[in-house]
Every structure is written in structure tokens, then in C-alpha cells.
C-alpha atoms as a PDB file:
ATOM      1  CA  MET A   1      -3.508  -3.185 -13.416  1.00  0.00           C
ATOM      2  CA  ASP A   2      -6.378  -1.872 -11.664  1.00  0.00           C
ATOM      3  CA  ALA A   3      -6.575  -1.568  -7.566  1.00  0.00           C
ATOM      4  CA  GLU A   4     -10.326  -2.403  -8.199  1.00  0.00           C
ATOM      5  CA  GLU A   5      -9.587  -6.072  -9.129  1.00  0.00           C
ATOM      6  CA  PHE A   6      -7.917  -6.835  -5.835  1.00  0.00           C
ATOM      7  CA  ASP A   7      -9.461  -7.058  -2.505  1.00  0.00           C
ATOM      8  CA  VAL A   8      -8.829  -4.051  -0.733  1.00  0.00           C
ATOM      9  CA  ALA A   9      -9.198  -4.996   2.342  1.00  0.00           C
ATOM     10  CA  ALA A  10      -6.501  -7.589   1.998  1.00  0.00           C
ATOM     11  CA  ILE A  11      -3.870  -5.111   1.245  1.00  0.00           C
ATOM     12  CA  THR A  12      -1.996  -3.394   4.358  1.00  0.00           C
ATOM     13  CA  GLY A  13       1.586  -1.862   5.572  1.00  0.00           C
ATOM     14  CA  TYR A  14       3.445  -0.444   8.102  1.00  0.00           C
ATOM     15  CA  CYS A  15       2.300   3.324   8.931  1.00  0.00           C
ATOM     16  CA  VAL A  16       5.537   4.852   9.692  1.00  0.00           C
ATOM     17  CA  TYR A  17       3.489   8.171  11.350  1.00  0.00           C
ATOM     18  CA  GLU A  18       1.654   6.003  13.541  1.00  0.00           C
ATOM     19  CA  LYS A  19       4.272   3.546  14.014  1.00  0.00           C
ATOM     20  CA  LYS A  20       1.608   0.868  13.589  1.00  0.00           C
ATOM     21  CA  LYS A  21       1.730  -2.290  11.609  1.00  0.00           C
ATOM     22  CA  ASN A  22      -1.049  -3.968   9.222  1.00  0.00           C
ATOM     23  CA  ARG A  23      -2.880  -0.735   8.455  1.00  0.00           C
ATOM     24  CA  GLU A  24      -4.987  -0.591   5.422  1.00  0.00           C
ATOM     25  CA  ILE A  25      -3.936   0.842   2.733  1.00  0.00           C
ATOM     26  CA  LYS A  26      -6.687   2.942   0.568  1.00  0.00           C
ATOM     27  CA  ASN A  27      -6.765   3.574  -3.193  1.00  0.00           C
ATOM     28  CA  PRO A  28      -3.335   1.304  -3.571  1.00  0.00           C
ATOM     29  CA  LYS A  29      -1.601   1.454  -6.984  1.00  0.00           C
ATOM     30  CA  GLN A  30       0.979  -0.796  -8.474  1.00  0.00           C
ATOM     31  CA  ILE A  31       4.419   1.386  -8.639  1.00  0.00           C
ATOM     32  CA  LYS A  32       8.234  -0.007  -9.956  1.00  0.00           C
ATOM     33  CA  LEU A  33      11.137   1.085  -7.573  1.00  0.00           C
ATOM     34  CA  LYS A  34      14.254   2.291  -9.478  1.00  0.00           C
ATOM     35  CA  ASN A  35      15.633  -1.240  -9.111  1.00  0.00           C
ATOM     36  CA  GLY A  36      12.868  -3.019 -10.734  1.00  0.00           C
ATOM     37  CA  ARG A  37      11.298  -4.316  -7.486  1.00  0.00           C
ATOM     38  CA  PRO A  38       7.090  -3.971  -7.588  1.00  0.00           C
ATOM     39  CA  ALA A  39       5.833  -1.787  -4.589  1.00  0.00           C
ATOM     40  CA  VAL A  40       2.568  -0.913  -3.417  1.00  0.00           C
ATOM     41  CA  LYS A  41       1.712   2.932  -2.475  1.00  0.00           C
ATOM     42  CA  GLY A  42      -1.699   4.264  -0.872  1.00  0.00           C
ATOM     43  CA  THR A  43      -3.300   6.223   2.070  1.00  0.00           C
ATOM     44  CA  CYS A  44      -3.456   5.160   5.236  1.00  0.00           C
ATOM     45  CA  ALA A  45      -7.039   4.593   6.198  1.00  0.00           C
ATOM     46  CA  SER A  46      -6.721   5.630   9.957  1.00  0.00           C
ATOM     47  CA  CYS A  47      -4.826   8.497   8.970  1.00  0.00           C
ATOM     48  CA  GLY A  48      -4.470   9.889   5.654  1.00  0.00           C
ATOM     49  CA  LYS A  49      -0.789   9.623   5.336  1.00  0.00           C
ATOM     50  CA  THR A  50       1.121   8.335   2.458  1.00  0.00           C
ATOM     51  CA  ILE A  51       1.982   4.666   2.748  1.00  0.00           C
ATOM     52  CA  PHE A  52       3.953   2.068   1.289  1.00  0.00           C
ATOM     53  CA  ARG A  53       4.861  -1.320   0.685  1.00  0.00           C
ATOM     54  CA  ILE A  54       7.572  -3.211  -1.371  1.00  0.00           C
ATOM     55  CA  GLY A  55       5.768  -6.467  -3.120  1.00  0.00           C
ATOM     56  CA  LYS A  56       3.217  -6.744  -5.538  1.00  0.00           C
ATOM     57  CA  LEU A  57      -0.608  -6.311  -5.322  1.00  0.00           C
ATOM     58  CA  LYS A  58      -1.828  -9.391  -4.806  1.00  0.00           C
END
């Protein structure tokens, strides 16, 4: 799956560094956790730190 297929602005997550909800995820990548659950990993658009969200890309 390519991230270009999805509306990037709709993909949000919790930024632990800023302690803020609904931060946009830049360059989202679909990954799989050790237990097999899907997740999204990328970069916070406002601070540039790594941001993570459990669940599939929509």
C-alpha cells in the first residue's frame, strides 16, 4: 500500500512529545506489530518527532 493513495490530511494521531491529540501524520507508512495488528508510523507535522497510531490506513 502506498501512502499516496490516501488523504494524508485525514490521518492523525497522538503526539507524545507535544501531548496533543489529532496531530497530522506526515509520510504515513503502514506497518505490522509483532502480534500482527496493523499500525501507522510517520512524522508529526508540527514538531517533526515520530508519531505512531494503532490501526490501518483508511
